Amino acid sequence: MTGDERHSSANQEAQGPAPRRSLDYRLTLEIVAAVLGLATLVFLALQTVSAREQAWESAHQTTAARLDGLYQQLLAYDQWRGQNENKHINMLLNQVDNLDDIKDPEERDQFYSVEVWFVDYFDYVYSTLPDLLRCVPDDGHLVLRGSREESRTCDEWVAWSETIHRAFQDPVTCQVLHDDEPLYEKKFVTAIRESKACPAQGGRPRP
């Protein structure tokens, strides 16, 4: 074999494996890219799940805070009634069945203002709860303890239904609701009446 032939053979041997190495290199890159892509998808999926959990937790905390805020307003009202300077008004709240029975105009106006706040508060509670509780009936009717619906309704709505129903056992509260009925949500007024807490014309509740 001449020197030129040996040189040509050596060149062919040197160039022969090159395409295979190129293919192996490309295959390796594709595998790495696929692995990285899969890892990215897994990471994004985990991030999405984490974000959803955080959003749910945040929404749950917000709902709990808003519900607590509603309770706190009612507690503040009870504390106000218990203060010494409000003892006379508190006595009237427990004894008066009709606003006209209060002869002193200033005293009657003060008493009326308290009752208006009370009705406004429960109207606000009633309109707010459907955004916070998933079990509020579509028509907004109250679900009381011992009723057939109690077992199919969440405890939170039953508890609030009882609180609202009990509040409108007071005849003066009923009178204020009746006198100012156009100012309140129709569903709220209907729910009170259908629960038999407050009759259509004010006065004492139906037996």
C-alpha atoms as a PDB file:
ATOM      1  CA  MET A   1       0.000   0.000   0.000  1.00  0.00           C
ATOM      2  CA  THR A   2       1.452   3.353  -0.998  1.00  0.00           C
ATOM      3  CA  GLY A   3       1.755   6.316   1.288  1.00  0.00           C
ATOM      4  CA  ASP A   4      -1.123   8.095  -0.462  1.00  0.00           C
ATOM      5  CA  GLU A   5      -3.393   5.101  -0.018  1.00  0.00           C
ATOM      6  CA  ARG A   6      -2.565   4.840   3.660  1.00  0.00           C
ATOM      7  CA  HIS A   7      -3.253   8.560   4.072  1.00  0.00           C
ATOM      8  CA  SER A   8      -6.635   8.272   2.274  1.00  0.00           C
ATOM      9  CA  SER A   9      -7.633   5.274   4.407  1.00  0.00           C
ATOM     10  CA  ALA A  10      -6.735   7.102   7.564  1.00  0.00           C
ATOM     11  CA  ASN A  11      -8.845  10.084   6.515  1.00  0.00           C
ATOM     12  CA  GLN A  12     -11.853   7.852   5.893  1.00  0.00           C
ATOM     13  CA  GLU A  13     -11.480   6.208   9.285  1.00  0.00           C
ATOM     14  CA  ALA A  14     -11.213   9.595  10.941  1.00  0.00           C
ATOM     15  CA  GLN A  15     -14.318  10.919   9.196  1.00  0.00           C
ATOM     16  CA  GLY A  16     -16.439   7.742   9.533  1.00  0.00           C
ATOM     17  CA  PRO A  17     -17.679   8.012  13.175  1.00  0.00           C
ATOM     18  CA  ALA A  18     -18.529  11.723  12.924  1.00  0.00           C
ATOM     19  CA  PRO A  19     -22.159  11.347  11.755  1.00  0.00           C
ATOM     20  CA  ARG A  20     -22.881   8.836  14.534  1.00  0.00           C
ATOM     21  CA  ARG A  21     -21.477  11.166  17.185  1.00  0.00           C
ATOM     22  CA  SER A  22     -23.564  13.992  15.752  1.00  0.00           C
ATOM     23  CA  LEU A  23     -26.724  11.872  15.939  1.00  0.00           C
ATOM     24  CA  ASP A  24     -25.911  10.778  19.495  1.00  0.00           C
ATOM     25  CA  TYR A  25     -25.335  14.390  20.487  1.00  0.00           C
ATOM     26  CA  ARG A  26     -28.669  15.514  18.992  1.00  0.00           C
ATOM     27  CA  LEU A  27     -30.519  12.648  20.652  1.00  0.00           C
ATOM     28  CA  THR A  28     -28.993  13.584  23.990  1.00  0.00           C
ATOM     29  CA  LEU A  29     -30.078  17.195  23.549  1.00  0.00           C
ATOM     30  CA  GLU A  30     -33.618  16.110  22.683  1.00  0.00           C
ATOM     31  CA  ILE A  31     -33.790  13.871  25.754  1.00  0.00           C
ATOM     32  CA  VAL A  32     -32.481  16.656  27.976  1.00  0.00           C
ATOM     33  CA  ALA A  33     -34.958  19.111  26.448  1.00  0.00           C
ATOM     34  CA  ALA A  34     -37.816  16.638  26.995  1.00  0.00           C
ATOM     35  CA  VAL A  35     -36.799  16.075  30.627  1.00  0.00           C
ATOM     36  CA  LEU A  36     -36.518  19.814  31.234  1.00  0.00           C
ATOM     37  CA  GLY A  37     -39.893  20.356  29.584  1.00  0.00           C
ATOM     38  CA  LEU A  38     -41.502  17.700  31.748  1.00  0.00           C
ATOM     39  CA  ALA A  39     -39.880  19.143  34.854  1.00  0.00           C
ATOM     40  CA  THR A  40     -41.192  22.582  33.913  1.00  0.00           C
ATOM     41  CA  LEU A  41     -44.719  21.240  33.470  1.00  0.00           C
ATOM     42  CA  VAL A  42     -44.548  19.488  36.851  1.00  0.00           C
ATOM     43  CA  PHE A  43     -43.245  22.676  38.475  1.00  0.00           C
ATOM     44  CA  LEU A  44     -45.997  24.790  36.918  1.00  0.00           C
ATOM     45  CA  ALA A  45     -48.629  22.253  37.967  1.00  0.00           C
ATOM     46  CA  LEU A  46     -47.354  22.315  41.560  1.00  0.00           C
ATOM     47  CA  GLN A  47     -47.302  26.107  41.501  1.00  0.00           C
ATOM     48  CA  THR A  48     -50.895  26.175  40.234  1.00  0.00           C
ATOM     49  CA  VAL A  49     -52.066  23.792  42.969  1.00  0.00           C
ATOM     50  CA  SER A  50     -50.219  25.852  45.569  1.00  0.00           C
ATOM     51  CA  ALA A  51     -51.722  29.086  44.242  1.00  0.00           C
ATOM     52  CA  ARG A  52     -55.218  27.583  44.336  1.00  0.00           C
ATOM     53  CA  GLU A  53     -54.707  26.389  47.908  1.00  0.00           C
ATOM     54  CA  GLN A  54     -53.453  29.810  48.952  1.00  0.00           C
ATOM     55  CA  ALA A  55     -56.378  31.525  47.225  1.00  0.00           C
ATOM     56  CA  TRP A  56     -58.854  29.162  48.907  1.00  0.00           C
ATOM     57  CA  GLU A  57     -57.233  29.694  52.293  1.00  0.00           C
ATOM     58  CA  SER A  58     -57.265  33.457  51.793  1.00  0.00           C
ATOM     59  CA  ALA A  59     -60.931  33.401  50.752  1.00  0.00           C
ATOM     60  CA  HIS A  60     -61.781  31.188  53.731  1.00  0.00           C
ATOM     61  CA  GLN A  61     -60.015  33.580  56.104  1.00  0.00           C
ATOM     62  CA  THR A  62     -61.771  36.563  54.527  1.00  0.00           C
ATOM     63  CA  THR A  63     -65.167  34.878  54.887  1.00  0.00           C
ATOM     64  CA  ALA A  64     -64.456  33.978  58.515  1.00  0.00           C
ATOM     65  CA  ALA A  65     -63.367  37.549  59.220  1.00  0.00           C
ATOM     66  CA  ARG A  66     -66.535  38.992  57.651  1.00  0.00           C
ATOM     67  CA  LEU A  67     -68.756  36.591  59.598  1.00  0.00           C
ATOM     68  CA  ASP A  68     -66.928  37.499  62.786  1.00  0.00           C
ATOM     69  CA  GLY A  69     -67.481  41.164  61.965  1.00  0.00           C
ATOM     70  CA  LEU A  70     -71.236  40.562  61.810  1.00  0.00           C
ATOM     71  CA  TYR A  71     -71.172  38.859  65.206  1.00  0.00           C
ATOM     72  CA  GLN A  72     -69.065  41.631  66.710  1.00  0.00           C
ATOM     73  CA  GLN A  73     -71.631  44.270  65.742  1.00  0.00           C
ATOM     74  CA  LEU A  74     -74.354  42.307  67.526  1.00  0.00           C
ATOM     75  CA  LEU A  75     -72.140  41.899  70.594  1.00  0.00           C
ATOM     76  CA  ALA A  76     -71.441  45.643  70.559  1.00  0.00           C
ATOM     77  CA  TYR A  77     -75.197  46.293  70.529  1.00  0.00           C
ATOM     78  CA  ASP A  78     -75.692  44.027  73.552  1.00  0.00           C
ATOM     79  CA  GLN A  79     -72.853  45.797  75.367  1.00  0.00           C
ATOM     80  CA  TRP A  80     -74.389  49.175  74.562  1.00  0.00           C
ATOM     81  CA  ARG A  81     -77.695  48.051  76.062  1.00  0.00           C
ATOM     82  CA  GLY A  82     -75.901  46.951  79.205  1.00  0.00           C
ATOM     83  CA  GLN A  83     -74.232  50.305  79.874  1.00  0.00           C
ATOM     84  CA  ASN A  84     -75.536  52.284  82.848  1.00  0.00           C
ATOM     85  CA  GLU A  85     -76.390  55.386  80.834  1.00  0.00           C
ATOM     86  CA  ASN A  86     -78.640  53.288  78.601  1.00  0.00           C
ATOM     87  CA  LYS A  87     -80.546  51.494  81.344  1.00  0.00           C
ATOM     88  CA  HIS A  88     -83.718  53.495  80.750  1.00  0.00           C
ATOM     89  CA  ILE A  89     -83.740  52.729  77.013  1.00  0.00           C
ATOM     90  CA  ASN A  90     -83.019  49.109  77.792  1.00  0.00           C
ATOM     91  CA  MET A  91     -85.994  49.063  80.153  1.00  0.00           C
ATOM     92  CA  LEU A  92     -88.213  50.494  77.406  1.00  0.00           C
ATOM     93  CA  LEU A  93     -86.941  47.886  74.938  1.00  0.00           C
ATOM     94  CA  ASN A  94     -88.145  45.194  77.309  1.00  0.00           C
ATOM     95  CA  GLN A  95     -91.476  46.775  78.212  1.00  0.00           C
ATOM     96  CA  VAL A  96     -92.897  48.919  75.386  1.00  0.00           C
ATOM     97  CA  ASP A  97     -95.155  47.236  72.822  1.00  0.00           C
ATOM     98  CA  ASN A  98     -95.880  50.314  70.734  1.00  0.00           C
ATOM     99  CA  LEU A  99     -93.918  53.475  69.983  1.00  0.00           C
ATOM    100  CA  ASP A 100     -96.990  55.594  70.628  1.00  0.00           C
ATOM    101  CA  ASP A 101     -96.940  54.451  74.251  1.00  0.00           C
ATOM    102  CA  ILE A 102     -93.829  56.606  74.804  1.00  0.00           C
ATOM    103  CA  LYS A 103     -95.170  60.080  75.525  1.00  0.00           C
ATOM    104  CA  ASP A 104     -91.875  61.970  75.717  1.00  0.00           C
ATOM    105  CA  PRO A 105     -90.975  62.994  72.114  1.00  0.00           C
ATOM    106  CA  GLU A 106     -87.209  63.008  72.688  1.00  0.00           C
ATOM    107  CA  GLU A 107     -87.325  59.643  74.400  1.00  0.00           C
ATOM    108  CA  ARG A 108     -89.528  58.227  71.651  1.00  0.00           C
ATOM    109  CA  ASP A 109     -87.140  59.462  68.945  1.00  0.00           C
ATOM    110  CA  GLN A 110     -84.180  57.915  70.744  1.00  0.00           C
ATOM    111  CA  PHE A 111     -86.028  54.641  71.146  1.00  0.00           C
ATOM    112  CA  TYR A 112     -87.055  54.707  67.489  1.00  0.00           C
ATOM    113  CA  SER A 113     -83.447  55.323  66.391  1.00  0.00           C
ATOM    114  CA  VAL A 114     -82.311  52.259  68.319  1.00  0.00           C
ATOM    115  CA  GLU A 115     -84.983  50.117  66.705  1.00  0.00           C
ATOM    116  CA  VAL A 116     -84.143  51.439  63.235  1.00  0.00           C
ATOM    117  CA  TRP A 117     -80.481  50.524  63.773  1.00  0.00           C
ATOM    118  CA  PHE A 118     -81.575  47.050  64.865  1.00  0.00           C
ATOM    119  CA  VAL A 119     -83.723  46.464  61.773  1.00  0.00           C
ATOM    120  CA  ASP A 120     -81.056  47.967  59.483  1.00  0.00           C
ATOM    121  CA  TYR A 121     -78.469  45.651  60.999  1.00  0.00           C
ATOM    122  CA  PHE A 122     -80.480  42.500  60.315  1.00  0.00           C
ATOM    123  CA  ASP A 123     -81.381  43.689  56.824  1.00  0.00           C
ATOM    124  CA  TYR A 124     -77.636  44.092  56.177  1.00  0.00           C
ATOM    125  CA  VAL A 125     -76.864  40.679  57.693  1.00  0.00           C
ATOM    126  CA  TYR A 126     -79.571  39.042  55.609  1.00  0.00           C
ATOM    127  CA  SER A 127     -78.276  40.563  52.352  1.00  0.00           C
ATOM    128  CA  THR A 128     -74.635  39.749  53.183  1.00  0.00           C
ATOM    129  CA  LEU A 129     -74.907  36.114  54.278  1.00  0.00           C
ATOM    130  CA  PRO A 130     -75.625  34.646  50.796  1.00  0.00           C
ATOM    131  CA  ASP A 131     -72.130  35.819  49.761  1.00  0.00           C
ATOM    132  CA  LEU A 132     -70.551  34.119  52.782  1.00  0.00           C
ATOM    133  CA  LEU A 133     -72.550  30.893  53.147  1.00  0.00           C
ATOM    134  CA  ARG A 134     -73.176  28.399  50.351  1.00  0.00           C
ATOM    135  CA  CYS A 135     -76.264  26.866  51.927  1.00  0.00           C
ATOM    136  CA  VAL A 136     -78.585  29.888  51.969  1.00  0.00           C
ATOM    137  CA  PRO A 137     -81.817  28.901  50.151  1.00  0.00           C
ATOM    138  CA  ASP A 138     -82.348  30.559  46.771  1.00  0.00           C
ATOM    139  CA  ASP A 139     -85.503  32.293  47.980  1.00  0.00           C
ATOM    140  CA  GLY A 140     -83.802  33.339  51.228  1.00  0.00           C
ATOM    141  CA  HIS A 141     -86.343  31.822  53.632  1.00  0.00           C
ATOM    142  CA  LEU A 142     -85.292  31.237  57.224  1.00  0.00           C
ATOM    143  CA  VAL A 143     -84.630  27.673  58.353  1.00  0.00           C
ATOM    144  CA  LEU A 144     -85.463  27.206  62.034  1.00  0.00           C
ATOM    145  CA  ARG A 145     -84.450  24.445  64.418  1.00  0.00           C
ATOM    146  CA  GLY A 146     -86.896  21.579  64.499  1.00  0.00           C
ATOM    147  CA  SER A 147     -88.065  22.191  60.943  1.00  0.00           C
ATOM    148  CA  ARG A 148     -87.925  19.525  58.247  1.00  0.00           C
ATOM    149  CA  GLU A 149     -85.227  21.459  56.413  1.00  0.00           C
ATOM    150  CA  GLU A 150     -82.838  21.737  59.346  1.00  0.00           C
ATOM    151  CA  SER A 151     -81.034  18.460  58.603  1.00  0.00           C
ATOM    152  CA  ARG A 152     -80.451  19.562  54.990  1.00  0.00           C
ATOM    153  CA  THR A 153     -79.156  23.031  55.880  1.00  0.00           C
ATOM    154  CA  CYS A 154     -75.774  24.095  57.234  1.00  0.00           C
ATOM    155  CA  ASP A 155     -75.614  24.998  60.925  1.00  0.00           C
ATOM    156  CA  GLU A 156     -74.494  28.565  60.154  1.00  0.00           C
ATOM    157  CA  TRP A 157     -77.673  29.479  58.264  1.00  0.00           C
ATOM    158  CA  VAL A 158     -79.872  27.761  60.864  1.00  0.00           C
ATOM    159  CA  ALA A 159     -78.132  29.716  63.642  1.00  0.00           C
ATOM    160  CA  TRP A 160     -78.539  33.038  61.831  1.00  0.00           C
ATOM    161  CA  SER A 161     -82.157  32.181  60.969  1.00  0.00           C
ATOM    162  CA  GLU A 162     -82.835  31.609  64.659  1.00  0.00           C
ATOM    163  CA  THR A 163     -81.131  34.892  65.580  1.00  0.00           C
ATOM    164  CA  ILE A 164     -83.118  36.887  63.020  1.00  0.00           C
ATOM    165  CA  HIS A 165     -86.392  35.173  63.939  1.00  0.00           C
ATOM    166  CA  ARG A 166     -85.829  35.792  67.651  1.00  0.00           C
ATOM    167  CA  ALA A 167     -85.014  39.480  67.053  1.00  0.00           C
ATOM    168  CA  PHE A 168     -88.387  40.042  65.377  1.00  0.00           C
ATOM    169  CA  GLN A 169     -90.363  38.573  68.238  1.00  0.00           C
ATOM    170  CA  ASP A 170     -90.277  42.121  69.603  1.00  0.00           C
ATOM    171  CA  PRO A 171     -93.477  44.021  68.653  1.00  0.00           C
ATOM    172  CA  VAL A 172     -91.771  47.410  68.293  1.00  0.00           C
ATOM    173  CA  THR A 173     -89.150  45.937  65.966  1.00  0.00           C
ATOM    174  CA  CYS A 174     -92.026  44.555  63.906  1.00  0.00           C
ATOM    175  CA  GLN A 175     -93.712  47.952  63.951  1.00  0.00           C
ATOM    176  CA  VAL A 176     -90.577  49.679  62.635  1.00  0.00           C
ATOM    177  CA  LEU A 177     -90.189  47.069  59.903  1.00  0.00           C
ATOM    178  CA  HIS A 178     -93.828  47.551  58.876  1.00  0.00           C
ATOM    179  CA  ASP A 179     -93.683  51.377  58.917  1.00  0.00           C
ATOM    180  CA  ASP A 180     -90.434  51.511  56.916  1.00  0.00           C
ATOM    181  CA  GLU A 181     -91.039  48.415  54.784  1.00  0.00           C
ATOM    182  CA  PRO A 182     -90.283  50.104  51.401  1.00  0.00           C
ATOM    183  CA  LEU A 183     -86.751  50.839  52.638  1.00  0.00           C
ATOM    184  CA  TYR A 184     -85.863  47.178  53.076  1.00  0.00           C
ATOM    185  CA  GLU A 185     -85.170  44.317  50.714  1.00  0.00           C
ATOM    186  CA  LYS A 186     -88.402  42.583  49.717  1.00  0.00           C
ATOM    187  CA  LYS A 187     -86.923  39.098  50.270  1.00  0.00           C
ATOM    188  CA  PHE A 188     -85.923  40.117  53.799  1.00  0.00           C
ATOM    189  CA  VAL A 189     -89.423  41.325  54.682  1.00  0.00           C
ATOM    190  CA  THR A 190     -90.975  38.213  53.138  1.00  0.00           C
ATOM    191  CA  ALA A 191     -88.612  35.913  55.035  1.00  0.00           C
ATOM    192  CA  ILE A 192     -89.580  37.558  58.333  1.00  0.00           C
ATOM    193  CA  ARG A 193     -93.284  37.225  57.636  1.00  0.00           C
ATOM    194  CA  GLU A 194     -93.135  33.657  56.356  1.00  0.00           C
ATOM    195  CA  SER A 195     -91.215  32.620  59.470  1.00  0.00           C
ATOM    196  CA  LYS A 196     -94.224  33.938  61.460  1.00  0.00           C
ATOM    197  CA  ALA A 197     -91.914  36.082  63.545  1.00  0.00           C
ATOM    198  CA  CYS A 198     -93.529  39.347  62.555  1.00  0.00           C
ATOM    199  CA  PRO A 199     -97.118  39.875  61.352  1.00  0.00           C
ATOM    200  CA  ALA A 200     -97.892  42.051  58.346  1.00  0.00           C
ATOM    201  CA  GLN A 201     -99.265  44.917  60.416  1.00  0.00           C
ATOM    202  CA  GLY A 202     -96.699  45.015  63.224  1.00  0.00           C
ATOM    203  CA  GLY A 203     -97.781  44.422  66.813  1.00  0.00           C
ATOM    204  CA  ARG A 204     -97.257  41.169  68.628  1.00  0.00           C
ATOM    205  CA  PRO A 205     -96.020  38.104  66.716  1.00  0.00           C
ATOM    206  CA  ARG A 206     -98.433  35.457  65.565  1.00  0.00           C
ATOM    207  CA  PRO A 207     -98.862  32.562  68.000  1.00  0.00           C
END
